[in-house]
Protein backbone atom coordinates (compact mmCIF):
# COMPACT_ATOMS: atom_id res chain seq x y z
CA MET A 1 -22.49 23.49 -14.46
CA SER A 2 -22.59 20.38 -12.40
CA ARG A 3 -19.75 17.91 -12.44
CA PRO A 4 -20.43 14.71 -14.34
CA ALA A 5 -20.60 11.70 -12.10
CA ALA A 6 -17.90 9.14 -12.18
CA VAL A 7 -18.49 5.41 -12.29
CA LEU A 8 -16.42 1.95 -12.14
CA VAL A 9 -17.20 0.13 -15.40
CA ALA A 10 -16.67 -3.57 -14.97
CA GLY A 11 -14.23 -5.33 -17.28
CA PRO A 12 -12.57 -8.99 -17.48
CA GLN A 13 -12.02 -11.19 -14.58
CA VAL A 14 -9.98 -14.36 -13.62
CA LEU A 15 -10.16 -16.86 -10.96
CA LEU A 16 -6.53 -17.70 -9.77
CA ASP A 17 -5.62 -20.80 -7.59
CA ASP A 18 -4.29 -18.73 -4.63
CA TYR A 19 -5.50 -16.16 -2.43
CA PRO A 20 -4.00 -12.65 -3.08
CA VAL A 21 -1.86 -11.01 -0.37
CA ASP A 22 -0.51 -8.06 -2.63
CA LEU A 23 -0.89 -6.67 -6.12
CA ALA A 24 1.36 -4.52 -8.28
CA TRP A 25 0.64 -2.86 -11.71
CA SER A 26 3.14 -2.69 -14.38
CA PRO A 27 4.34 0.76 -15.24
CA ASP A 28 2.20 1.04 -18.54
CA GLY A 29 -0.95 -0.33 -16.73
CA LYS A 30 -1.39 -3.22 -19.18
CA GLN A 31 -0.49 -5.96 -16.80
CA LEU A 32 -0.79 -6.78 -12.91
CA VAL A 33 1.14 -9.24 -10.86
CA VAL A 34 -0.41 -11.00 -7.94
CA ALA A 35 1.45 -12.53 -4.88
CA GLY A 36 -0.38 -15.48 -3.34
CA GLY A 37 -0.64 -16.54 0.15
CA GLU A 38 0.32 -20.11 -0.83
CA GLY A 39 3.48 -18.76 -2.80
CA ARG A 40 2.16 -18.53 -6.28
CA LEU A 41 3.18 -15.55 -8.63
CA HIS A 42 0.97 -14.75 -11.37
CA ARG A 43 0.98 -12.17 -14.09
CA VAL A 44 -2.15 -11.11 -15.47
CA ALA A 45 -2.76 -9.09 -18.58
CA ARG A 46 -5.39 -6.42 -18.20
CA GLU A 47 -6.88 -7.13 -21.65
CA GLY A 48 -8.64 -10.40 -21.33
CA ALA A 49 -7.42 -11.24 -17.95
CA GLN A 50 -5.14 -13.80 -19.26
CA ALA A 51 -3.25 -15.07 -16.33
CA THR A 52 0.40 -16.65 -16.64
CA LEU A 53 2.15 -18.44 -13.58
CA LEU A 54 5.67 -16.81 -13.26
CA GLY A 55 6.77 -19.22 -10.39
CA THR A 56 6.27 -20.26 -6.76
CA GLN A 57 7.95 -19.21 -3.63
CA GLU A 58 6.83 -21.57 -0.86
CA PRO A 59 5.53 -21.72 1.75
CA GLY A 60 4.01 -18.27 0.77
CA LEU A 61 4.57 -14.82 -0.35
CA LEU A 62 4.41 -11.87 1.63
CA SER A 63 4.66 -8.74 -0.79
CA VAL A 64 5.52 -8.00 -4.43
CA CYS A 65 6.69 -4.78 -6.14
CA TRP A 66 7.28 -3.83 -9.74
CA GLN A 67 10.51 -1.94 -10.57
CA PRO A 68 9.70 1.54 -11.36
CA GLY A 69 9.96 2.06 -15.25
CA GLY A 70 11.42 -1.50 -15.60
CA LYS A 71 10.37 -5.20 -16.10
CA LEU A 72 11.71 -6.72 -12.96
CA LEU A 73 9.66 -7.91 -9.94
CA ALA A 74 10.84 -8.18 -6.30
CA THR A 75 9.14 -10.55 -3.89
CA ALA A 76 9.37 -11.31 -0.16
CA GLY A 77 8.56 -14.77 1.11
CA GLN A 78 7.90 -16.67 4.21
CA ASP A 79 10.88 -18.61 3.52
CA GLY A 80 12.95 -15.48 4.52
CA SER A 81 14.16 -14.87 1.01
CA VAL A 82 13.91 -11.87 -1.38
CA ARG A 83 13.91 -12.70 -5.03
CA LEU A 84 14.03 -11.07 -8.32
CA TRP A 85 11.84 -12.13 -11.39
CA ASP A 86 11.34 -11.23 -15.04
CA ALA A 87 7.89 -9.75 -15.15
CA LEU A 88 7.66 -10.71 -18.72
CA ALA A 89 9.08 -14.15 -18.72
CA ALA A 90 7.11 -16.63 -20.78
CA ALA A 91 8.01 -19.79 -18.61
CA ALA A 92 7.87 -20.30 -14.81
CA SER A 93 10.90 -20.16 -12.69
CA ASP A 94 12.22 -20.08 -9.14
CA GLY A 95 13.31 -16.25 -9.51
CA THR A 96 16.77 -15.22 -8.33
CA VAL A 97 17.32 -15.00 -4.69
CA ILE A 98 19.21 -11.93 -3.62
CA HIS A 99 18.68 -12.40 0.03
CA ARG A 100 17.98 -15.15 2.41
CA GLY A 101 17.56 -14.92 6.23
CA LEU A 102 15.82 -16.47 9.20
CA GLN A 103 13.44 -13.55 9.62
CA TRP A 104 10.60 -12.45 7.32
CA PRO A 105 11.68 -9.69 4.97
CA LEU A 106 8.96 -6.77 5.49
CA GLY A 107 8.13 -3.45 3.94
CA LEU A 108 9.88 -4.42 0.54
CA ALA A 109 10.11 -1.75 -1.77
CA PHE A 110 12.36 -0.60 -4.86
CA GLU A 111 14.18 2.64 -4.36
CA PRO A 112 12.69 5.46 -6.67
CA ARG A 113 15.19 4.77 -9.50
CA GLY A 114 14.63 1.17 -9.38
CA LYS A 115 18.29 0.29 -8.86
CA ALA A 116 18.00 -1.50 -5.50
CA VAL A 117 15.46 -2.91 -3.07
CA ALA A 118 15.20 -2.21 0.55
CA PHE A 119 13.44 -4.15 3.21
CA ALA A 120 13.33 -4.78 7.04
CA ALA A 121 14.80 -7.94 8.54
CA GLY A 122 14.43 -7.94 12.15
CA LYS A 123 16.11 -4.78 13.70
CA VAL A 124 18.05 -3.90 10.59
CA VAL A 125 17.29 -2.29 7.18
CA ARG A 126 18.97 -3.91 4.21
CA VAL A 127 19.54 -2.39 0.74
CA VAL A 128 20.41 -4.81 -1.81
CA GLY A 129 21.53 -3.94 -5.48
CA LEU A 130 19.84 -5.81 -8.44
CA ASP A 131 23.15 -7.97 -8.63
CA GLY A 132 22.34 -9.38 -5.12
CA VAL A 133 25.21 -7.36 -3.59
CA LEU A 134 24.36 -5.88 -0.23
CA ARG A 135 24.83 -2.13 -0.57
CA GLU A 136 24.06 -1.20 3.01
CA GLU A 137 22.88 -2.64 6.17
CA ILE A 138 21.46 0.03 8.62
CA GLY A 139 21.13 -0.75 12.21
CA PRO A 140 20.38 -2.43 14.62
CA HIS A 141 17.52 -0.24 15.48
CA ASP A 142 15.99 -0.34 19.13
CA CYS A 143 13.00 -2.65 17.97
CA ALA A 144 12.00 -5.06 15.46
CA LEU A 145 10.76 -3.23 12.30
CA THR A 146 7.64 -3.92 10.67
CA GLN A 147 7.02 -1.09 8.20
CA LEU A 148 9.33 0.54 5.81
CA ALA A 149 9.07 3.08 2.99
CA TRP A 150 11.41 5.17 0.73
CA ARG A 151 11.12 8.90 1.33
CA ASN A 152 13.66 9.75 -1.35
CA GLY A 153 16.72 8.05 -2.99
CA ASN A 154 18.71 8.42 0.05
CA GLU A 155 16.45 8.09 2.91
CA VAL A 156 14.39 5.18 4.36
CA LEU A 157 11.61 5.35 6.85
CA ALA A 158 11.06 2.43 9.06
CA ALA A 159 8.88 1.78 12.11
CA GLY A 160 8.46 -0.88 14.83
CA ASN A 161 6.83 -1.00 18.02
CA GLY A 162 6.98 2.40 19.75
CA ALA A 163 9.34 4.01 17.16
CA LEU A 164 9.57 5.81 13.90
CA PHE A 165 13.09 5.84 12.30
CA ILE A 166 14.56 8.05 9.63
CA ASP A 167 17.54 6.18 8.10
CA ARG A 168 19.86 8.14 5.86
CA LEU A 169 22.03 6.16 3.49
CA ALA A 170 25.87 6.60 2.81
CA PRO A 171 27.66 8.83 2.89
CA GLU A 172 25.66 10.06 5.96
CA SER A 173 24.54 6.74 7.27
CA SER A 174 22.61 7.88 10.25
CA ILE A 175 19.54 6.98 12.24
CA THR A 176 17.20 9.45 13.68
CA GLN A 177 14.57 7.86 16.11
CA HIS A 178 11.15 9.49 17.01
CA ALA A 179 8.65 8.02 19.59
CA LEU A 180 5.41 6.42 18.54
CA ASP A 181 2.55 5.78 21.06
CA GLY A 182 2.21 2.29 20.24
CA ALA A 183 2.88 -0.48 17.53
CA PRO A 184 2.45 0.70 14.15
CA LEU A 185 0.42 -1.24 11.41
CA THR A 186 0.88 1.03 8.64
CA LEU A 187 3.39 3.71 7.43
CA ALA A 188 2.26 6.17 4.81
CA ILE A 189 4.31 9.01 3.52
CA SER A 190 2.59 11.93 1.83
CA PRO A 191 3.56 12.32 -1.87
CA ASP A 192 5.12 15.59 -1.17
CA GLY A 193 7.40 13.81 1.57
CA ARG A 194 6.35 16.23 4.17
CA VAL A 195 4.18 14.15 6.60
CA VAL A 196 4.37 10.68 7.76
CA ALA A 197 1.20 8.90 8.92
CA ASN A 198 1.16 5.78 11.15
CA GLY A 199 -1.96 3.80 11.93
CA LEU A 200 -1.58 2.38 15.46
CA GLN A 201 -2.64 -0.92 16.96
CA ASP A 202 -4.38 0.97 19.85
CA GLY A 203 -6.80 2.85 17.59
CA GLN A 204 -4.88 5.98 16.82
CA VAL A 205 -3.32 7.67 14.05
CA MET A 206 -0.04 9.68 14.60
CA PHE A 207 1.28 12.13 12.09
CA ARG A 208 4.83 13.49 11.93
CA HIS A 209 5.75 16.60 10.15
CA VAL A 210 9.26 15.66 8.96
CA LEU A 211 10.56 19.09 8.19
CA ALA A 212 8.90 20.94 10.88
CA GLN A 213 9.67 18.37 13.60
CA LYS A 214 6.19 18.44 14.73
CA LYS A 215 3.79 15.55 15.73
CA SER A 216 0.17 15.06 16.74
CA ARG A 217 -2.20 12.26 16.82
CA MET A 218 -5.99 11.56 16.26
CA SER A 219 -7.44 9.12 18.51
CA GLY A 220 -11.12 7.55 19.11
CA TYR A 221 -11.09 4.88 16.32
CA ASP A 222 -13.00 1.75 16.88
CA GLY A 223 -10.31 -0.84 16.70
CA LYS A 224 -6.87 -1.01 15.12
CA VAL A 225 -6.28 1.43 12.38
CA THR A 226 -4.95 -0.81 9.56
CA GLN A 227 -5.70 1.54 6.61
CA THR A 228 -3.96 4.81 5.60
CA ALA A 229 -3.90 6.28 2.06
CA TRP A 230 -2.84 9.71 0.78
CA SER A 231 -4.30 11.65 -1.85
CA ALA A 232 -2.05 12.61 -4.90
CA ASN A 233 -1.93 16.25 -3.76
CA SER A 234 -1.04 15.35 -0.20
CA ARG A 235 -4.23 17.12 1.01
CA TYR A 236 -6.32 14.19 2.43
CA LEU A 237 -5.20 11.23 4.53
CA ALA A 238 -7.86 8.42 4.20
CA THR A 239 -7.97 5.95 7.29
CA ALA A 240 -9.92 3.13 8.50
CA ALA A 241 -10.07 0.79 11.59
CA THR A 242 -10.97 -2.81 12.17
CA GLY A 243 -14.14 -2.19 14.34
CA GLY A 244 -15.70 0.53 12.10
CA LYS A 245 -17.50 0.82 8.77
CA VAL A 246 -16.70 4.29 8.16
CA ILE A 247 -13.77 6.04 6.25
CA ILE A 248 -12.19 8.86 8.31
CA VAL A 249 -10.52 11.48 6.06
CA TRP A 250 -8.14 14.12 7.47
CA ASP A 251 -7.68 17.32 5.63
CA PHE A 252 -4.20 18.77 5.77
CA SER A 253 -4.78 21.97 4.09
CA GLY A 254 -4.00 25.24 5.91
CA LYS A 255 -3.16 24.45 9.59
CA GLY A 256 -5.10 21.07 9.58
CA PRO A 257 -5.73 18.53 10.48
CA GLU A 258 -5.33 19.56 14.23
CA GLY A 259 -8.74 21.25 15.58
CA SER A 260 -10.74 20.40 12.43
CA GLU A 261 -13.62 18.10 11.90
CA PRO A 262 -12.80 14.98 9.53
CA LEU A 263 -14.77 13.87 6.63
CA GLN A 264 -16.68 10.74 7.40
CA LEU A 265 -17.41 8.56 4.39
CA GLN A 266 -20.13 5.88 5.15
CA SER A 267 -21.34 3.44 2.44
CA HIS A 268 -19.88 0.09 3.80
CA GLY A 269 -21.73 -2.10 5.94
CA ASP A 270 -18.89 -4.08 7.40
CA ARG A 271 -15.05 -3.74 7.97
CA ILE A 272 -13.16 -1.87 5.24
CA GLU A 273 -10.03 -4.10 4.08
CA SER A 274 -8.43 -1.75 1.69
CA LEU A 275 -8.09 1.87 0.59
CA ALA A 276 -6.41 3.35 -2.51
CA PHE A 277 -6.25 7.02 -3.89
CA GLN A 278 -5.51 7.36 -7.48
CA PRO A 279 -1.81 7.95 -8.10
CA GLU A 280 -2.77 11.07 -10.13
CA GLY A 281 -6.36 12.35 -9.51
CA PRO A 282 -8.90 12.91 -6.77
CA TYR A 283 -10.82 9.49 -6.58
CA LEU A 284 -10.64 7.18 -3.60
CA ALA A 285 -11.60 3.40 -3.94
CA SER A 286 -12.43 1.28 -1.04
CA GLY A 287 -13.19 -2.60 -0.67
CA GLY A 288 -14.61 -4.26 2.33
CA ARG A 289 -15.96 -7.42 3.79
CA ASP A 290 -19.59 -6.33 2.93
CA TRP A 291 -18.79 -7.49 -0.80
CA ARG A 292 -18.61 -3.87 -1.88
CA VAL A 293 -16.20 -1.74 -3.95
CA VAL A 294 -16.93 1.92 -3.49
CA LEU A 295 -15.77 4.98 -5.39
CA TRP A 296 -15.43 8.45 -3.65
CA ARG A 297 -14.23 11.89 -4.32
CA PRO A 298 -13.29 13.38 -0.95
CA GLY A 299 -13.50 17.20 -0.98
CA PRO A 300 -14.61 20.20 0.89
CA ALA A 301 -18.05 19.68 -0.32
CA ALA A 302 -18.22 16.42 1.93
CA GLN A 303 -16.86 18.24 4.96
CA GLY A 304 -18.86 17.20 8.11
CA LYS A 305 -21.26 15.08 5.87
CA GLN A 306 -21.79 11.30 6.49
CA ALA A 307 -21.98 8.82 3.79
CA GLU A 308 -24.25 10.02 0.99
CA ALA A 309 -21.14 11.08 -1.00
CA SER A 310 -20.29 7.88 -2.62
CA LEU A 311 -20.15 8.02 -6.47
CA ASP A 312 -20.39 4.51 -7.27
CA VAL A 313 -21.07 0.98 -5.44
CA GLN A 314 -20.23 -2.18 -6.94
CA LEU A 315 -21.64 -5.24 -5.34
CA LEU A 316 -19.48 -8.37 -5.78
CA ASP A 317 -20.01 -12.09 -4.85
CA GLY A 318 -17.86 -12.13 -1.72
CA PRO A 319 -15.55 -10.12 0.51
CA VAL A 320 -12.92 -7.88 -0.84
CA SER A 321 -9.34 -7.93 0.03
CA LEU A 322 -7.45 -5.59 -1.99
CA VAL A 323 -7.90 -2.60 -4.42
CA ARG A 324 -5.24 -1.15 -6.44
CA TRP A 325 -5.07 1.63 -9.14
CA SER A 326 -3.02 1.60 -12.08
CA ARG A 327 -0.37 4.11 -12.25
CA ASP A 328 -2.27 6.35 -14.71
CA GLY A 329 -5.34 6.07 -12.54
CA ARG A 330 -7.62 4.68 -15.34
CA GLN A 331 -7.84 0.99 -14.13
CA LEU A 332 -8.83 -0.38 -10.71
CA ALA A 333 -8.01 -3.97 -9.81
CA VAL A 334 -9.88 -5.75 -7.15
CA ALA A 335 -8.83 -8.89 -5.46
CA GLN A 336 -10.84 -11.24 -3.38
CA ALA A 337 -9.78 -13.86 -0.76
CA SER A 338 -11.56 -16.55 -3.02
CA GLY A 339 -8.56 -15.89 -5.72
CA ARG A 340 -10.82 -13.99 -7.99
CA LEU A 341 -9.27 -11.00 -9.61
CA ARG A 342 -11.36 -8.15 -11.37
CA PHE A 343 -10.54 -5.31 -13.46
CA TYR A 344 -12.71 -2.02 -13.73
CA THR A 345 -12.25 1.17 -15.78
CA LEU A 346 -12.92 4.61 -14.32
CA GLN A 347 -15.27 6.51 -16.41
CA ALA A 348 -15.44 10.04 -15.44
């Protein structure tokens, strides 16, 4: 019996008065928050695409994240501040400042239980509680940090030029440093926590197996590797570079990916700007400068094949900046530089 095709069904859309730099879905998938490059923070209801301005953080926002299982938002801004917001607020506000500094806060992320936020500021990692109290400051590290992610509730991974760091919080309070062969543009941890992938500025992807203390790298990309996304089962890592039109997917099953041929997914006609695997499920979405949103299902059947494996292609009215799945994997949000936000439903 053949597998039924999966498609994206277009839903409501809204035009916001700012260009999106980051998106975050609510835990229940009913709402989305949009961080704008000019500082506007919007909440958009999935049903009807009704937008509400939550506030402004001038001169611009860098990132936004939604508290796991909660109703708080955390934002990082170009003013050097980190703020908390009530995601369900009916009226606009300035948020609550829980950190302010001279450097941009990068890699902002809630810890898995949602009780604190971590971010990189220069050469240090800061962990701040929801009450604004600094819980821990880790560093200084040997370089300025540009990437950060939680590996578990007591371990933060951070990366900067030439180095990957594993920071363990109190009571251990330690820093373990590993070499990177260049400047990292991404940091992606497999959902099972075993492998860390960094897309590098010089056209490589570096993998580090955290427990086995083994590293490898894949080179030959056409440009800077700006996109890295893991599948929910930790088997596939999708990657894309600035000079290419092809999504390169590495298979980590068995002894891979060393010595194996990657999957090559080709349906875009220009640079790929965003990749996102379903949080729970096999589907991959991509968006690019070619005005396309493409749906894929990477798997063994596509091994070694180029391009004809796309399940669905949606042609928009301009370049795509960001694609994000809701946490249940049923909805896909697509943001464009024009400020247009579109919703799609996965029909599979």
